[in-house]
């Protein structure tokens, strides 16, 4: 079966973060750590080598030491900010919370406990970080109740819509 793109993306980002913290790592050790073949590690490094931040000029790309790779060791020389914590604005975080809530309800996520755990973990962290803004998006995203069943929501949505759930 072909590898899913999201699985590879997680591994690619994981390789950058792992190498940034661990320093130079032999290809075989990196393959064992990520549960893939040595050939796949080298293919991943090739993909990362042409990845980076917008602009895509040579100084914008993730970089490795080519001499080390020829000796069977992967040494990251430039992560291009891929290991820095992501900083989101409130609107961006709330949009992600809404997307994660929708994703949580899909059959693909519900059928895979591993993916469901990742979605729940990310959702919990973003919700904790955004506080009242995330609660407002919960209220605004709920279906409208029938007439007379509205209860006052302690947090108003950006449009001031009250929530039927009371939460």
Protein backbone atom coordinates (compact mmCIF):
# COMPACT_ATOMS: atom_id res chain seq x y z
CA UNK A 1 0.00 0.00 0.00
CA UNK A 2 1.27 3.47 -0.85
CA UNK A 3 2.27 5.74 1.98
CA UNK A 4 -0.19 8.47 2.92
CA UNK A 5 1.05 12.01 2.30
CA UNK A 6 0.19 13.10 5.84
CA UNK A 7 2.27 10.25 7.29
CA UNK A 8 5.24 11.31 5.20
CA UNK A 9 4.81 14.97 6.11
CA UNK A 10 4.83 14.12 9.82
CA UNK A 11 8.01 12.08 9.30
CA UNK A 12 9.70 14.82 7.26
CA UNK A 13 9.01 17.42 9.93
CA UNK A 14 10.03 14.92 12.60
CA UNK A 15 13.36 14.29 10.88
CA UNK A 16 14.17 18.01 10.88
CA UNK A 17 13.25 18.37 14.56
CA UNK A 18 15.11 15.18 15.51
CA UNK A 19 18.30 16.14 13.68
CA UNK A 20 18.15 19.67 15.09
CA UNK A 21 18.23 18.23 18.61
CA UNK A 22 20.40 15.16 18.10
CA UNK A 23 23.05 16.48 15.76
CA UNK A 24 24.56 14.24 13.07
CA UNK A 25 22.92 10.79 12.97
CA UNK A 26 23.90 7.72 10.91
CA UNK A 27 21.38 6.92 8.16
CA UNK A 28 20.71 3.43 9.57
CA UNK A 29 20.00 4.85 13.04
CA UNK A 30 17.65 7.48 11.58
CA UNK A 31 15.86 4.75 9.62
CA UNK A 32 15.37 2.66 12.77
CA UNK A 33 14.18 5.68 14.75
CA UNK A 34 11.48 6.53 12.18
CA UNK A 35 10.65 2.92 11.25
CA UNK A 36 11.55 3.21 7.57
CA UNK A 37 14.25 1.91 5.26
CA UNK A 38 17.59 3.62 4.75
CA UNK A 39 16.53 4.31 1.15
CA UNK A 40 13.42 6.10 2.45
CA UNK A 41 15.54 8.25 4.78
CA UNK A 42 17.69 9.30 1.84
CA UNK A 43 14.57 10.02 -0.25
CA UNK A 44 13.20 12.09 2.63
CA UNK A 45 16.46 14.04 2.88
CA UNK A 46 16.29 14.67 -0.88
CA UNK A 47 12.73 16.02 -0.47
CA UNK A 48 13.72 18.18 2.49
CA UNK A 49 16.73 19.53 0.63
CA UNK A 50 14.41 21.35 -1.77
CA UNK A 51 11.99 22.50 0.96
CA UNK A 52 12.04 25.63 3.02
CA UNK A 53 10.42 28.96 3.65
CA UNK A 54 8.62 31.03 1.02
CA UNK A 55 10.96 32.62 -1.47
CA UNK A 56 12.65 29.29 -2.23
CA UNK A 57 16.02 30.82 -2.96
CA UNK A 58 19.05 28.82 -1.81
CA UNK A 59 19.21 30.74 1.47
CA UNK A 60 15.55 29.88 2.14
CA UNK A 61 15.97 26.10 1.94
CA UNK A 62 16.56 23.42 4.55
CA UNK A 63 20.17 22.30 4.15
CA UNK A 64 22.28 19.23 4.93
CA UNK A 65 25.99 18.51 4.77
CA UNK A 66 26.44 16.60 1.49
CA UNK A 67 29.84 15.19 2.49
CA UNK A 68 28.34 13.68 5.65
CA UNK A 69 25.55 12.03 3.69
CA UNK A 70 28.10 10.44 1.37
CA UNK A 71 29.68 8.94 4.51
CA UNK A 72 26.30 7.59 5.69
CA UNK A 73 25.57 10.31 8.26
CA UNK A 74 22.79 12.89 8.05
CA UNK A 75 23.82 16.28 9.40
CA UNK A 76 21.34 19.13 9.30
CA UNK A 77 23.11 22.44 8.70
CA UNK A 78 20.08 24.74 8.37
CA UNK A 79 16.54 24.11 9.64
CA UNK A 80 15.17 27.43 8.29
CA UNK A 81 12.92 27.94 11.28
CA UNK A 82 11.19 24.58 10.96
CA UNK A 83 12.00 23.81 14.61
CA UNK A 84 10.75 27.11 16.07
CA UNK A 85 7.39 27.02 17.86
CA UNK A 86 4.52 28.14 15.69
CA UNK A 87 3.04 31.50 16.67
CA UNK A 88 -0.58 32.00 15.71
CA UNK A 89 -2.85 35.00 15.93
CA UNK A 90 -6.23 34.57 17.63
CA UNK A 91 -8.11 34.33 14.33
CA UNK A 92 -5.68 31.72 12.98
CA UNK A 93 -5.93 29.65 16.16
CA UNK A 94 -9.73 29.81 16.21
CA UNK A 95 -9.83 28.78 12.54
CA UNK A 96 -7.64 25.78 13.37
CA UNK A 97 -9.86 24.88 16.33
CA UNK A 98 -12.92 24.94 14.06
CA UNK A 99 -11.12 22.82 11.42
CA UNK A 100 -9.95 20.30 14.03
CA UNK A 101 -13.48 20.00 15.42
CA UNK A 102 -14.78 19.28 11.91
CA UNK A 103 -11.93 16.84 11.27
CA UNK A 104 -12.69 15.02 14.53
CA UNK A 105 -16.15 14.16 13.15
CA UNK A 106 -14.90 12.58 9.91
CA UNK A 107 -15.07 8.84 9.41
CA UNK A 108 -11.33 8.62 8.67
CA UNK A 109 -10.39 10.11 12.03
CA UNK A 110 -13.04 8.24 14.00
CA UNK A 111 -11.92 4.93 12.47
CA UNK A 112 -8.26 5.38 13.46
CA UNK A 113 -7.57 5.70 17.20
CA UNK A 114 -4.06 7.01 16.52
CA UNK A 115 -5.29 9.83 14.32
CA UNK A 116 -8.16 10.55 16.69
CA UNK A 117 -5.65 10.91 19.53
CA UNK A 118 -3.52 13.33 17.53
CA UNK A 119 -6.56 15.44 16.58
CA UNK A 120 -7.83 15.48 20.19
CA UNK A 121 -4.40 16.39 21.54
CA UNK A 122 -3.97 19.26 19.08
CA UNK A 123 -7.52 20.44 19.70
CA UNK A 124 -7.05 20.39 23.48
CA UNK A 125 -3.79 22.36 23.26
CA UNK A 126 -5.22 24.98 20.89
CA UNK A 127 -8.40 25.30 22.91
CA UNK A 128 -6.40 25.78 26.11
CA UNK A 129 -4.19 28.36 24.42
CA UNK A 130 -7.04 30.36 22.89
CA UNK A 131 -9.32 30.30 25.93
CA UNK A 132 -12.51 32.29 25.46
CA UNK A 133 -11.97 32.71 21.73
CA UNK A 134 -12.15 28.92 21.26
CA UNK A 135 -15.26 28.73 23.42
CA UNK A 136 -16.86 31.39 21.26
CA UNK A 137 -16.14 29.39 18.14
CA UNK A 138 -17.81 26.38 19.78
CA UNK A 139 -20.96 28.38 20.38
CA UNK A 140 -20.98 29.89 16.91
CA UNK A 141 -20.44 26.51 15.25
CA UNK A 142 -23.33 24.70 16.94
CA UNK A 143 -26.58 24.25 15.01
CA UNK A 144 -29.33 26.72 15.84
CA UNK A 145 -31.80 25.49 18.42
CA UNK A 146 -35.54 25.51 17.98
CA UNK A 147 -37.37 28.63 19.08
CA UNK A 148 -37.52 29.06 22.81
CA UNK A 149 -34.69 26.66 23.65
CA UNK A 150 -31.85 29.22 23.66
CA UNK A 151 -29.86 29.59 26.84
CA UNK A 152 -27.40 32.35 27.41
CA UNK A 153 -23.83 31.41 26.45
CA UNK A 154 -21.18 32.78 28.85
CA UNK A 155 -18.99 33.59 25.87
CA UNK A 156 -20.31 35.41 22.84
CA UNK A 157 -19.23 34.51 19.35
CA UNK A 158 -17.52 37.24 17.29
CA UNK A 159 -20.93 38.02 15.78
CA UNK A 160 -22.64 38.03 19.21
CA UNK A 161 -24.65 34.87 18.48
CA UNK A 162 -25.91 33.15 21.59
CA UNK A 163 -25.37 29.43 22.04
CA UNK A 164 -28.16 26.91 22.50
CA UNK A 165 -25.96 24.63 24.57
CA UNK A 166 -25.43 26.93 27.49
CA UNK A 167 -21.70 26.38 27.24
